[in-house]
């Protein structure tokens, strides 16, 4: 899925690629 909102429509079963703001 493309967003956190879409992911959280269900309790399990989705995949989200997430880029974090801090690159440590």
PDBML (XML) file of the C-alpha atoms, coordinates in Angstrom:
<?xml version="1.0" encoding="UTF-8" ?>
<PDBx:datablock datablockName="MODEL"
   xmlns:PDBx="http://pdbml.pdb.org/schema/pdbx-v50.xsd"
   xmlns:xsi="http://www.w3.org/2001/XMLSchema-instance"
   xsi:schemaLocation="http://pdbml.pdb.org/schema/pdbx-v50.xsd pdbx-v50.xsd">
   <PDBx:atom_siteCategory>
      <PDBx:atom_site id="1">
         <PDBx:B_iso_or_equiv>0.00</PDBx:B_iso_or_equiv>
         <PDBx:Cartn_x>0.000</PDBx:Cartn_x>
         <PDBx:Cartn_y>0.000</PDBx:Cartn_y>
         <PDBx:Cartn_z>0.000</PDBx:Cartn_z>
         <PDBx:auth_asym_id>A</PDBx:auth_asym_id>
         <PDBx:auth_atom_id>CA</PDBx:auth_atom_id>
         <PDBx:auth_comp_id>UNK</PDBx:auth_comp_id>
         <PDBx:auth_seq_id>1</PDBx:auth_seq_id>
         <PDBx:group_PDB>ATOM</PDBx:group_PDB>
         <PDBx:label_alt_id xsi:nil="true" />
         <PDBx:label_asym_id>A</PDBx:label_asym_id>
         <PDBx:label_atom_id>CA</PDBx:label_atom_id>
         <PDBx:label_comp_id>UNK</PDBx:label_comp_id>
         <PDBx:label_entity_id>1</PDBx:label_entity_id>
         <PDBx:label_seq_id>1</PDBx:label_seq_id>
         <PDBx:occupancy>1.00</PDBx:occupancy>
         <PDBx:pdbx_PDB_model_num>1</PDBx:pdbx_PDB_model_num>
         <PDBx:type_symbol>C</PDBx:type_symbol>
      </PDBx:atom_site>
      <PDBx:atom_site id="2">
         <PDBx:B_iso_or_equiv>0.00</PDBx:B_iso_or_equiv>
         <PDBx:Cartn_x>1.069</PDBx:Cartn_x>
         <PDBx:Cartn_y>3.610</PDBx:Cartn_y>
         <PDBx:Cartn_z>-0.441</PDBx:Cartn_z>
         <PDBx:auth_asym_id>A</PDBx:auth_asym_id>
         <PDBx:auth_atom_id>CA</PDBx:auth_atom_id>
         <PDBx:auth_comp_id>UNK</PDBx:auth_comp_id>
         <PDBx:auth_seq_id>2</PDBx:auth_seq_id>
         <PDBx:group_PDB>ATOM</PDBx:group_PDB>
         <PDBx:label_alt_id xsi:nil="true" />
         <PDBx:label_asym_id>A</PDBx:label_asym_id>
         <PDBx:label_atom_id>CA</PDBx:label_atom_id>
         <PDBx:label_comp_id>UNK</PDBx:label_comp_id>
         <PDBx:label_entity_id>1</PDBx:label_entity_id>
         <PDBx:label_seq_id>2</PDBx:label_seq_id>
         <PDBx:occupancy>1.00</PDBx:occupancy>
         <PDBx:pdbx_PDB_model_num>1</PDBx:pdbx_PDB_model_num>
         <PDBx:type_symbol>C</PDBx:type_symbol>
      </PDBx:atom_site>
      <PDBx:atom_site id="3">
         <PDBx:B_iso_or_equiv>0.00</PDBx:B_iso_or_equiv>
         <PDBx:Cartn_x>0.154</PDBx:Cartn_x>
         <PDBx:Cartn_y>5.225</PDBx:Cartn_y>
         <PDBx:Cartn_z>2.879</PDBx:Cartn_z>
         <PDBx:auth_asym_id>A</PDBx:auth_asym_id>
         <PDBx:auth_atom_id>CA</PDBx:auth_atom_id>
         <PDBx:auth_comp_id>UNK</PDBx:auth_comp_id>
         <PDBx:auth_seq_id>3</PDBx:auth_seq_id>
         <PDBx:group_PDB>ATOM</PDBx:group_PDB>
         <PDBx:label_alt_id xsi:nil="true" />
         <PDBx:label_asym_id>A</PDBx:label_asym_id>
         <PDBx:label_atom_id>CA</PDBx:label_atom_id>
         <PDBx:label_comp_id>UNK</PDBx:label_comp_id>
         <PDBx:label_entity_id>1</PDBx:label_entity_id>
         <PDBx:label_seq_id>3</PDBx:label_seq_id>
         <PDBx:occupancy>1.00</PDBx:occupancy>
         <PDBx:pdbx_PDB_model_num>1</PDBx:pdbx_PDB_model_num>
         <PDBx:type_symbol>C</PDBx:type_symbol>
      </PDBx:atom_site>
      <PDBx:atom_site id="4">
         <PDBx:B_iso_or_equiv>0.00</PDBx:B_iso_or_equiv>
         <PDBx:Cartn_x>-0.113</PDBx:Cartn_x>
         <PDBx:Cartn_y>4.635</PDBx:Cartn_y>
         <PDBx:Cartn_z>6.610</PDBx:Cartn_z>
         <PDBx:auth_asym_id>A</PDBx:auth_asym_id>
         <PDBx:auth_atom_id>CA</PDBx:auth_atom_id>
         <PDBx:auth_comp_id>UNK</PDBx:auth_comp_id>
         <PDBx:auth_seq_id>4</PDBx:auth_seq_id>
         <PDBx:group_PDB>ATOM</PDBx:group_PDB>
         <PDBx:label_alt_id xsi:nil="true" />
         <PDBx:label_asym_id>A</PDBx:label_asym_id>
         <PDBx:label_atom_id>CA</PDBx:label_atom_id>
         <PDBx:label_comp_id>UNK</PDBx:label_comp_id>
         <PDBx:label_entity_id>1</PDBx:label_entity_id>
         <PDBx:label_seq_id>4</PDBx:label_seq_id>
         <PDBx:occupancy>1.00</PDBx:occupancy>
         <PDBx:pdbx_PDB_model_num>1</PDBx:pdbx_PDB_model_num>
         <PDBx:type_symbol>C</PDBx:type_symbol>
      </PDBx:atom_site>
      <PDBx:atom_site id="5">
         <PDBx:B_iso_or_equiv>0.00</PDBx:B_iso_or_equiv>
         <PDBx:Cartn_x>-3.836</PDBx:Cartn_x>
         <PDBx:Cartn_y>5.373</PDBx:Cartn_y>
         <PDBx:Cartn_z>6.404</PDBx:Cartn_z>
         <PDBx:auth_asym_id>A</PDBx:auth_asym_id>
         <PDBx:auth_atom_id>CA</PDBx:auth_atom_id>
         <PDBx:auth_comp_id>UNK</PDBx:auth_comp_id>
         <PDBx:auth_seq_id>5</PDBx:auth_seq_id>
         <PDBx:group_PDB>ATOM</PDBx:group_PDB>
         <PDBx:label_alt_id xsi:nil="true" />
         <PDBx:label_asym_id>A</PDBx:label_asym_id>
         <PDBx:label_atom_id>CA</PDBx:label_atom_id>
         <PDBx:label_comp_id>UNK</PDBx:label_comp_id>
         <PDBx:label_entity_id>1</PDBx:label_entity_id>
         <PDBx:label_seq_id>5</PDBx:label_seq_id>
         <PDBx:occupancy>1.00</PDBx:occupancy>
         <PDBx:pdbx_PDB_model_num>1</PDBx:pdbx_PDB_model_num>
         <PDBx:type_symbol>C</PDBx:type_symbol>
      </PDBx:atom_site>
      <PDBx:atom_site id="6">
         <PDBx:B_iso_or_equiv>0.00</PDBx:B_iso_or_equiv>
         <PDBx:Cartn_x>-4.348</PDBx:Cartn_x>
         <PDBx:Cartn_y>2.604</PDBx:Cartn_y>
         <PDBx:Cartn_z>3.867</PDBx:Cartn_z>
         <PDBx:auth_asym_id>A</PDBx:auth_asym_id>
         <PDBx:auth_atom_id>CA</PDBx:auth_atom_id>
         <PDBx:auth_comp_id>UNK</PDBx:auth_comp_id>
         <PDBx:auth_seq_id>6</PDBx:auth_seq_id>
         <PDBx:group_PDB>ATOM</PDBx:group_PDB>
         <PDBx:label_alt_id xsi:nil="true" />
         <PDBx:label_asym_id>A</PDBx:label_asym_id>
         <PDBx:label_atom_id>CA</PDBx:label_atom_id>
         <PDBx:label_comp_id>UNK</PDBx:label_comp_id>
         <PDBx:label_entity_id>1</PDBx:label_entity_id>
         <PDBx:label_seq_id>6</PDBx:label_seq_id>
         <PDBx:occupancy>1.00</PDBx:occupancy>
         <PDBx:pdbx_PDB_model_num>1</PDBx:pdbx_PDB_model_num>
         <PDBx:type_symbol>C</PDBx:type_symbol>
      </PDBx:atom_site>
      <PDBx:atom_site id="7">
         <PDBx:B_iso_or_equiv>0.00</PDBx:B_iso_or_equiv>
         <PDBx:Cartn_x>-2.249</PDBx:Cartn_x>
         <PDBx:Cartn_y>0.205</PDBx:Cartn_y>
         <PDBx:Cartn_z>5.915</PDBx:Cartn_z>
         <PDBx:auth_asym_id>A</PDBx:auth_asym_id>
         <PDBx:auth_atom_id>CA</PDBx:auth_atom_id>
         <PDBx:auth_comp_id>UNK</PDBx:auth_comp_id>
         <PDBx:auth_seq_id>7</PDBx:auth_seq_id>
         <PDBx:group_PDB>ATOM</PDBx:group_PDB>
         <PDBx:label_alt_id xsi:nil="true" />
         <PDBx:label_asym_id>A</PDBx:label_asym_id>
         <PDBx:label_atom_id>CA</PDBx:label_atom_id>
         <PDBx:label_comp_id>UNK</PDBx:label_comp_id>
         <PDBx:label_entity_id>1</PDBx:label_entity_id>
         <PDBx:label_seq_id>7</PDBx:label_seq_id>
         <PDBx:occupancy>1.00</PDBx:occupancy>
         <PDBx:pdbx_PDB_model_num>1</PDBx:pdbx_PDB_model_num>
         <PDBx:type_symbol>C</PDBx:type_symbol>
      </PDBx:atom_site>
      <PDBx:atom_site id="8">
         <PDBx:B_iso_or_equiv>0.00</PDBx:B_iso_or_equiv>
         <PDBx:Cartn_x>-4.222</PDBx:Cartn_x>
         <PDBx:Cartn_y>0.795</PDBx:Cartn_y>
         <PDBx:Cartn_z>9.090</PDBx:Cartn_z>
         <PDBx:auth_asym_id>A</PDBx:auth_asym_id>
         <PDBx:auth_atom_id>CA</PDBx:auth_atom_id>
         <PDBx:auth_comp_id>UNK</PDBx:auth_comp_id>
         <PDBx:auth_seq_id>8</PDBx:auth_seq_id>
         <PDBx:group_PDB>ATOM</PDBx:group_PDB>
         <PDBx:label_alt_id xsi:nil="true" />
         <PDBx:label_asym_id>A</PDBx:label_asym_id>
         <PDBx:label_atom_id>CA</PDBx:label_atom_id>
         <PDBx:label_comp_id>UNK</PDBx:label_comp_id>
         <PDBx:label_entity_id>1</PDBx:label_entity_id>
         <PDBx:label_seq_id>8</PDBx:label_seq_id>
         <PDBx:occupancy>1.00</PDBx:occupancy>
         <PDBx:pdbx_PDB_model_num>1</PDBx:pdbx_PDB_model_num>
         <PDBx:type_symbol>C</PDBx:type_symbol>
      </PDBx:atom_site>
      <PDBx:atom_site id="9">
         <PDBx:B_iso_or_equiv>0.00</PDBx:B_iso_or_equiv>
         <PDBx:Cartn_x>-7.569</PDBx:Cartn_x>
         <PDBx:Cartn_y>0.057</PDBx:Cartn_y>
         <PDBx:Cartn_z>7.447</PDBx:Cartn_z>
         <PDBx:auth_asym_id>A</PDBx:auth_asym_id>
         <PDBx:auth_atom_id>CA</PDBx:auth_atom_id>
         <PDBx:auth_comp_id>UNK</PDBx:auth_comp_id>
         <PDBx:auth_seq_id>9</PDBx:auth_seq_id>
         <PDBx:group_PDB>ATOM</PDBx:group_PDB>
         <PDBx:label_alt_id xsi:nil="true" />
         <PDBx:label_asym_id>A</PDBx:label_asym_id>
         <PDBx:label_atom_id>CA</PDBx:label_atom_id>
         <PDBx:label_comp_id>UNK</PDBx:label_comp_id>
         <PDBx:label_entity_id>1</PDBx:label_entity_id>
         <PDBx:label_seq_id>9</PDBx:label_seq_id>
         <PDBx:occupancy>1.00</PDBx:occupancy>
         <PDBx:pdbx_PDB_model_num>1</PDBx:pdbx_PDB_model_num>
         <PDBx:type_symbol>C</PDBx:type_symbol>
      </PDBx:atom_site>
      <PDBx:atom_site id="10">
         <PDBx:B_iso_or_equiv>0.00</PDBx:B_iso_or_equiv>
         <PDBx:Cartn_x>-6.825</PDBx:Cartn_x>
         <PDBx:Cartn_y>-3.554</PDBx:Cartn_y>
         <PDBx:Cartn_z>8.403</PDBx:Cartn_z>
         <PDBx:auth_asym_id>A</PDBx:auth_asym_id>
         <PDBx:auth_atom_id>CA</PDBx:auth_atom_id>
         <PDBx:auth_comp_id>UNK</PDBx:auth_comp_id>
         <PDBx:auth_seq_id>10</PDBx:auth_seq_id>
         <PDBx:group_PDB>ATOM</PDBx:group_PDB>
         <PDBx:label_alt_id xsi:nil="true" />
         <PDBx:label_asym_id>A</PDBx:label_asym_id>
         <PDBx:label_atom_id>CA</PDBx:label_atom_id>
         <PDBx:label_comp_id>UNK</PDBx:label_comp_id>
         <PDBx:label_entity_id>1</PDBx:label_entity_id>
         <PDBx:label_seq_id>10</PDBx:label_seq_id>
         <PDBx:occupancy>1.00</PDBx:occupancy>
         <PDBx:pdbx_PDB_model_num>1</PDBx:pdbx_PDB_model_num>
         <PDBx:type_symbol>C</PDBx:type_symbol>
      </PDBx:atom_site>
      <PDBx:atom_site id="11">
         <PDBx:B_iso_or_equiv>0.00</PDBx:B_iso_or_equiv>
         <PDBx:Cartn_x>-5.147</PDBx:Cartn_x>
         <PDBx:Cartn_y>-5.210</PDBx:Cartn_y>
         <PDBx:Cartn_z>11.369</PDBx:Cartn_z>
         <PDBx:auth_asym_id>A</PDBx:auth_asym_id>
         <PDBx:auth_atom_id>CA</PDBx:auth_atom_id>
         <PDBx:auth_comp_id>UNK</PDBx:auth_comp_id>
         <PDBx:auth_seq_id>11</PDBx:auth_seq_id>
         <PDBx:group_PDB>ATOM</PDBx:group_PDB>
         <PDBx:label_alt_id xsi:nil="true" />
         <PDBx:label_asym_id>A</PDBx:label_asym_id>
         <PDBx:label_atom_id>CA</PDBx:label_atom_id>
         <PDBx:label_comp_id>UNK</PDBx:label_comp_id>
         <PDBx:label_entity_id>1</PDBx:label_entity_id>
         <PDBx:label_seq_id>11</PDBx:label_seq_id>
         <PDBx:occupancy>1.00</PDBx:occupancy>
         <PDBx:pdbx_PDB_model_num>1</PDBx:pdbx_PDB_model_num>
         <PDBx:type_symbol>C</PDBx:type_symbol>
      </PDBx:atom_site>
      <PDBx:atom_site id="12">
         <PDBx:B_iso_or_equiv>0.00</PDBx:B_iso_or_equiv>
         <PDBx:Cartn_x>-2.636</PDBx:Cartn_x>
         <PDBx:Cartn_y>-7.260</PDBx:Cartn_y>
         <PDBx:Cartn_z>9.349</PDBx:Cartn_z>
         <PDBx:auth_asym_id>A</PDBx:auth_asym_id>
         <PDBx:auth_atom_id>CA</PDBx:auth_atom_id>
         <PDBx:auth_comp_id>UNK</PDBx:auth_comp_id>
         <PDBx:auth_seq_id>12</PDBx:auth_seq_id>
         <PDBx:group_PDB>ATOM</PDBx:group_PDB>
         <PDBx:label_alt_id xsi:nil="true" />
         <PDBx:label_asym_id>A</PDBx:label_asym_id>
         <PDBx:label_atom_id>CA</PDBx:label_atom_id>
         <PDBx:label_comp_id>UNK</PDBx:label_comp_id>
         <PDBx:label_entity_id>1</PDBx:label_entity_id>
         <PDBx:label_seq_id>12</PDBx:label_seq_id>
         <PDBx:occupancy>1.00</PDBx:occupancy>
         <PDBx:pdbx_PDB_model_num>1</PDBx:pdbx_PDB_model_num>
         <PDBx:type_symbol>C</PDBx:type_symbol>
      </PDBx:atom_site>
      <PDBx:atom_site id="13">
         <PDBx:B_iso_or_equiv>0.00</PDBx:B_iso_or_equiv>
         <PDBx:Cartn_x>-1.634</PDBx:Cartn_x>
         <PDBx:Cartn_y>-8.417</PDBx:Cartn_y>
         <PDBx:Cartn_z>5.884</PDBx:Cartn_z>
         <PDBx:auth_asym_id>A</PDBx:auth_asym_id>
         <PDBx:auth_atom_id>CA</PDBx:auth_atom_id>
         <PDBx:auth_comp_id>UNK</PDBx:auth_comp_id>
         <PDBx:auth_seq_id>13</PDBx:auth_seq_id>
         <PDBx:group_PDB>ATOM</PDBx:group_PDB>
         <PDBx:label_alt_id xsi:nil="true" />
         <PDBx:label_asym_id>A</PDBx:label_asym_id>
         <PDBx:label_atom_id>CA</PDBx:label_atom_id>
         <PDBx:label_comp_id>UNK</PDBx:label_comp_id>
         <PDBx:label_entity_id>1</PDBx:label_entity_id>
         <PDBx:label_seq_id>13</PDBx:label_seq_id>
         <PDBx:occupancy>1.00</PDBx:occupancy>
         <PDBx:pdbx_PDB_model_num>1</PDBx:pdbx_PDB_model_num>
         <PDBx:type_symbol>C</PDBx:type_symbol>
      </PDBx:atom_site>
      <PDBx:atom_site id="14">
         <PDBx:B_iso_or_equiv>0.00</PDBx:B_iso_or_equiv>
         <PDBx:Cartn_x>-0.265</PDBx:Cartn_x>
         <PDBx:Cartn_y>-5.212</PDBx:Cartn_y>
         <PDBx:Cartn_z>4.312</PDBx:Cartn_z>
         <PDBx:auth_asym_id>A</PDBx:auth_asym_id>
         <PDBx:auth_atom_id>CA</PDBx:auth_atom_id>
         <PDBx:auth_comp_id>UNK</PDBx:auth_comp_id>
         <PDBx:auth_seq_id>14</PDBx:auth_seq_id>
         <PDBx:group_PDB>ATOM</PDBx:group_PDB>
         <PDBx:label_alt_id xsi:nil="true" />
         <PDBx:label_asym_id>A</PDBx:label_asym_id>
         <PDBx:label_atom_id>CA</PDBx:label_atom_id>
         <PDBx:label_comp_id>UNK</PDBx:label_comp_id>
         <PDBx:label_entity_id>1</PDBx:label_entity_id>
         <PDBx:label_seq_id>14</PDBx:label_seq_id>
         <PDBx:occupancy>1.00</PDBx:occupancy>
         <PDBx:pdbx_PDB_model_num>1</PDBx:pdbx_PDB_model_num>
         <PDBx:type_symbol>C</PDBx:type_symbol>
      </PDBx:atom_site>
      <PDBx:atom_site id="15">
         <PDBx:B_iso_or_equiv>0.00</PDBx:B_iso_or_equiv>
         <PDBx:Cartn_x>3.158</PDBx:Cartn_x>
         <PDBx:Cartn_y>-3.959</PDBx:Cartn_y>
         <PDBx:Cartn_z>3.266</PDBx:Cartn_z>
         <PDBx:auth_asym_id>A</PDBx:auth_asym_id>
         <PDBx:auth_atom_id>CA</PDBx:auth_atom_id>
         <PDBx:auth_comp_id>UNK</PDBx:auth_comp_id>
         <PDBx:auth_seq_id>15</PDBx:auth_seq_id>
         <PDBx:group_PDB>ATOM</PDBx:group_PDB>
         <PDBx:label_alt_id xsi:nil="true" />
         <PDBx:label_asym_id>A</PDBx:label_asym_id>
         <PDBx:label_atom_id>CA</PDBx:label_atom_id>
         <PDBx:label_comp_id>UNK</PDBx:label_comp_id>
         <PDBx:label_entity_id>1</PDBx:label_entity_id>
         <PDBx:label_seq_id>15</PDBx:label_seq_id>
         <PDBx:occupancy>1.00</PDBx:occupancy>
         <PDBx:pdbx_PDB_model_num>1</PDBx:pdbx_PDB_model_num>
         <PDBx:type_symbol>C</PDBx:type_symbol>
      </PDBx:atom_site>
      <PDBx:atom_site id="16">
         <PDBx:B_iso_or_equiv>0.00</PDBx:B_iso_or_equiv>
         <PDBx:Cartn_x>4.379</PDBx:Cartn_x>
         <PDBx:Cartn_y>-0.357</PDBx:Cartn_y>
         <PDBx:Cartn_z>3.410</PDBx:Cartn_z>
         <PDBx:auth_asym_id>A</PDBx:auth_asym_id>
         <PDBx:auth_atom_id>CA</PDBx:auth_atom_id>
         <PDBx:auth_comp_id>UNK</PDBx:auth_comp_id>
         <PDBx:auth_seq_id>16</PDBx:auth_seq_id>
         <PDBx:group_PDB>ATOM</PDBx:group_PDB>
         <PDBx:label_alt_id xsi:nil="true" />
         <PDBx:label_asym_id>A</PDBx:label_asym_id>
         <PDBx:label_atom_id>CA</PDBx:label_atom_id>
         <PDBx:label_comp_id>UNK</PDBx:label_comp_id>
         <PDBx:label_entity_id>1</PDBx:label_entity_id>
         <PDBx:label_seq_id>16</PDBx:label_seq_id>
         <PDBx:occupancy>1.00</PDBx:occupancy>
         <PDBx:pdbx_PDB_model_num>1</PDBx:pdbx_PDB_model_num>
         <PDBx:type_symbol>C</PDBx:type_symbol>
      </PDBx:atom_site>
      <PDBx:atom_site id="17">
         <PDBx:B_iso_or_equiv>0.00</PDBx:B_iso_or_equiv>
         <PDBx:Cartn_x>7.753</PDBx:Cartn_x>
         <PDBx:Cartn_y>1.040</PDBx:Cartn_y>
         <PDBx:Cartn_z>2.325</PDBx:Cartn_z>
         <PDBx:auth_asym_id>A</PDBx:auth_asym_id>
         <PDBx:auth_atom_id>CA</PDBx:auth_atom_id>
         <PDBx:auth_comp_id>UNK</PDBx:auth_comp_id>
         <PDBx:auth_seq_id>17</PDBx:auth_seq_id>
         <PDBx:group_PDB>ATOM</PDBx:group_PDB>
         <PDBx:label_alt_id xsi:nil="true" />
         <PDBx:label_asym_id>A</PDBx:label_asym_id>
         <PDBx:label_atom_id>CA</PDBx:label_atom_id>
         <PDBx:label_comp_id>UNK</PDBx:label_comp_id>
         <PDBx:label_entity_id>1</PDBx:label_entity_id>
         <PDBx:label_seq_id>17</PDBx:label_seq_id>
         <PDBx:occupancy>1.00</PDBx:occupancy>
         <PDBx:pdbx_PDB_model_num>1</PDBx:pdbx_PDB_model_num>
         <PDBx:type_symbol>C</PDBx:type_symbol>
      </PDBx:atom_site>
      <PDBx:atom_site id="18">
         <PDBx:B_iso_or_equiv>0.00</PDBx:B_iso_or_equiv>
         <PDBx:Cartn_x>8.605</PDBx:Cartn_x>
         <PDBx:Cartn_y>3.889</PDBx:Cartn_y>
         <PDBx:Cartn_z>4.701</PDBx:Cartn_z>
         <PDBx:auth_asym_id>A</PDBx:auth_asym_id>
         <PDBx:auth_atom_id>CA</PDBx:auth_atom_id>
         <PDBx:auth_comp_id>UNK</PDBx:auth_comp_id>
         <PDBx:auth_seq_id>18</PDBx:auth_seq_id>
         <PDBx:group_PDB>ATOM</PDBx:group_PDB>
         <PDBx:label_alt_id xsi:nil="true" />
         <PDBx:label_asym_id>A</PDBx:label_asym_id>
         <PDBx:label_atom_id>CA</PDBx:label_atom_id>
         <PDBx:label_comp_id>UNK</PDBx:label_comp_id>
         <PDBx:label_entity_id>1</PDBx:label_entity_id>
         <PDBx:label_seq_id>18</PDBx:label_seq_id>
         <PDBx:occupancy>1.00</PDBx:occupancy>
         <PDBx:pdbx_PDB_model_num>1</PDBx:pdbx_PDB_model_num>
         <PDBx:type_symbol>C</PDBx:type_symbol>
      </PDBx:atom_site>
      <PDBx:atom_site id="19">
         <PDBx:B_iso_or_equiv>0.00</PDBx:B_iso_or_equiv>
         <PDBx:Cartn_x>11.353</PDBx:Cartn_x>
         <PDBx:Cartn_y>6.502</PDBx:Cartn_y>
         <PDBx:Cartn_z>4.430</PDBx:Cartn_z>
         <PDBx:auth_asym_id>A</PDBx:auth_asym_id>
         <PDBx:auth_atom_id>CA</PDBx:auth_atom_id>
         <PDBx:auth_comp_id>UNK</PDBx:auth_comp_id>
         <PDBx:auth_seq_id>19</PDBx:auth_seq_id>
         <PDBx:group_PDB>ATOM</PDBx:group_PDB>
         <PDBx:label_alt_id xsi:nil="true" />
         <PDBx:label_asym_id>A</PDBx:label_asym_id>
         <PDBx:label_atom_id>CA</PDBx:label_atom_id>
         <PDBx:label_comp_id>UNK</PDBx:label_comp_id>
         <PDBx:label_entity_id>1</PDBx:label_entity_id>
         <PDBx:label_seq_id>19</PDBx:label_seq_id>
         <PDBx:occupancy>1.00</PDBx:occupancy>
         <PDBx:pdbx_PDB_model_num>1</PDBx:pdbx_PDB_model_num>
         <PDBx:type_symbol>C</PDBx:type_symbol>
      </PDBx:atom_site>
      <PDBx:atom_site id="20">
         <PDBx:B_iso_or_equiv>0.00</PDBx:B_iso_or_equiv>
         <PDBx:Cartn_x>12.344</PDBx:Cartn_x>
         <PDBx:Cartn_y>8.144</PDBx:Cartn_y>
         <PDBx:Cartn_z>7.719</PDBx:Cartn_z>
         <PDBx:auth_asym_id>A</PDBx:auth_asym_id>
         <PDBx:auth_atom_id>CA</PDBx:auth_atom_id>
         <PDBx:auth_comp_id>UNK</PDBx:auth_comp_id>
         <PDBx:auth_seq_id>20</PDBx:auth_seq_id>
         <PDBx:group_PDB>ATOM</PDBx:group_PDB>
         <PDBx:label_alt_id xsi:nil="true" />
         <PDBx:label_asym_id>A</PDBx:label_asym_id>
         <PDBx:label_atom_id>CA</PDBx:label_atom_id>
         <PDBx:label_comp_id>UNK</PDBx:label_comp_id>
         <PDBx:label_entity_id>1</PDBx:label_entity_id>
         <PDBx:label_seq_id>20</PDBx:label_seq_id>
         <PDBx:occupancy>1.00</PDBx:occupancy>
         <PDBx:pdbx_PDB_model_num>1</PDBx:pdbx_PDB_model_num>
         <PDBx:type_symbol>C</PDBx:type_symbol>
      </PDBx:atom_site>
      <PDBx:atom_site id="21">
         <PDBx:B_iso_or_equiv>0.00</PDBx:B_iso_or_equiv>
         <PDBx:Cartn_x>13.384</PDBx:Cartn_x>
         <PDBx:Cartn_y>11.788</PDBx:Cartn_y>
         <PDBx:Cartn_z>7.990</PDBx:Cartn_z>
         <PDBx:auth_asym_id>A</PDBx:auth_asym_id>
         <PDBx:auth_atom_id>CA</PDBx:auth_atom_id>
         <PDBx:auth_comp_id>UNK</PDBx:auth_comp_id>
         <PDBx:auth_seq_id>21</PDBx:auth_seq_id>
         <PDBx:group_PDB>ATOM</PDBx:group_PDB>
         <PDBx:label_alt_id xsi:nil="true" />
         <PDBx:label_asym_id>A</PDBx:label_asym_id>
         <PDBx:label_atom_id>CA</PDBx:label_atom_id>
         <PDBx:label_comp_id>UNK</PDBx:label_comp_id>
         <PDBx:label_entity_id>1</PDBx:label_entity_id>
         <PDBx:label_seq_id>21</PDBx:label_seq_id>
         <PDBx:occupancy>1.00</PDBx:occupancy>
         <PDBx:pdbx_PDB_model_num>1</PDBx:pdbx_PDB_model_num>
         <PDBx:type_symbol>C</PDBx:type_symbol>
      </PDBx:atom_site>
      <PDBx:atom_site id="22">
         <PDBx:B_iso_or_equiv>0.00</PDBx:B_iso_or_equiv>
         <PDBx:Cartn_x>16.682</PDBx:Cartn_x>
         <PDBx:Cartn_y>11.215</PDBx:Cartn_y>
         <PDBx:Cartn_z>9.833</PDBx:Cartn_z>
         <PDBx:auth_asym_id>A</PDBx:auth_asym_id>
         <PDBx:auth_atom_id>CA</PDBx:auth_atom_id>
         <PDBx:auth_comp_id>UNK</PDBx:auth_comp_id>
         <PDBx:auth_seq_id>22</PDBx:auth_seq_id>
         <PDBx:group_PDB>ATOM</PDBx:group_PDB>
         <PDBx:label_alt_id xsi:nil="true" />
         <PDBx:label_asym_id>A</PDBx:label_asym_id>
         <PDBx:label_atom_id>CA</PDBx:label_atom_id>
         <PDBx:label_comp_id>UNK</PDBx:label_comp_id>
         <PDBx:label_entity_id>1</PDBx:label_entity_id>
         <PDBx:label_seq_id>22</PDBx:label_seq_id>
         <PDBx:occupancy>1.00</PDBx:occupancy>
         <PDBx:pdbx_PDB_model_num>1</PDBx:pdbx_PDB_model_num>
         <PDBx:type_symbol>C</PDBx:type_symbol>
      </PDBx:atom_site>
      <PDBx:atom_site id="23">
         <PDBx:B_iso_or_equiv>0.00</PDBx:B_iso_or_equiv>
         <PDBx:Cartn_x>19.386</PDBx:Cartn_x>
         <PDBx:Cartn_y>9.434</PDBx:Cartn_y>
         <PDBx:Cartn_z>7.894</PDBx:Cartn_z>
         <PDBx:auth_asym_id>A</PDBx:auth_asym_id>
         <PDBx:auth_atom_id>CA</PDBx:auth_atom_id>
         <PDBx:auth_comp_id>UNK</PDBx:auth_comp_id>
         <PDBx:auth_seq_id>23</PDBx:auth_seq_id>
         <PDBx:group_PDB>ATOM</PDBx:group_PDB>
         <PDBx:label_alt_id xsi:nil="true" />
         <PDBx:label_asym_id>A</PDBx:label_asym_id>
         <PDBx:label_atom_id>CA</PDBx:label_atom_id>
         <PDBx:label_comp_id>UNK</PDBx:label_comp_id>
         <PDBx:label_entity_id>1</PDBx:label_entity_id>
         <PDBx:label_seq_id>23</PDBx:label_seq_id>
         <PDBx:occupancy>1.00</PDBx:occupancy>
         <PDBx:pdbx_PDB_model_num>1</PDBx:pdbx_PDB_model_num>
         <PDBx:type_symbol>C</PDBx:type_symbol>
      </PDBx:atom_site>
      <PDBx:atom_site id="24">
         <PDBx:B_iso_or_equiv>0.00</PDBx:B_iso_or_equiv>
         <PDBx:Cartn_x>21.683</PDBx:Cartn_x>
         <PDBx:Cartn_y>8.186</PDBx:Cartn_y>
         <PDBx:Cartn_z>10.665</PDBx:Cartn_z>
         <PDBx:auth_asym_id>A</PDBx:auth_asym_id>
         <PDBx:auth_atom_id>CA</PDBx:auth_atom_id>
         <PDBx:auth_comp_id>UNK</PDBx:auth_comp_id>
         <PDBx:auth_seq_id>24</PDBx:auth_seq_id>
         <PDBx:group_PDB>ATOM</PDBx:group_PDB>
         <PDBx:label_alt_id xsi:nil="true" />
         <PDBx:label_asym_id>A</PDBx:label_asym_id>
         <PDBx:label_atom_id>CA</PDBx:label_atom_id>
         <PDBx:label_comp_id>UNK</PDBx:label_comp_id>
         <PDBx:label_entity_id>1</PDBx:label_entity_id>
         <PDBx:label_seq_id>24</PDBx:label_seq_id>
         <PDBx:occupancy>1.00</PDBx:occupancy>
         <PDBx:pdbx_PDB_model_num>1</PDBx:pdbx_PDB_model_num>
         <PDBx:type_symbol>C</PDBx:type_symbol>
      </PDBx:atom_site>
   </PDBx:atom_siteCategory>
</PDBx:datablock>
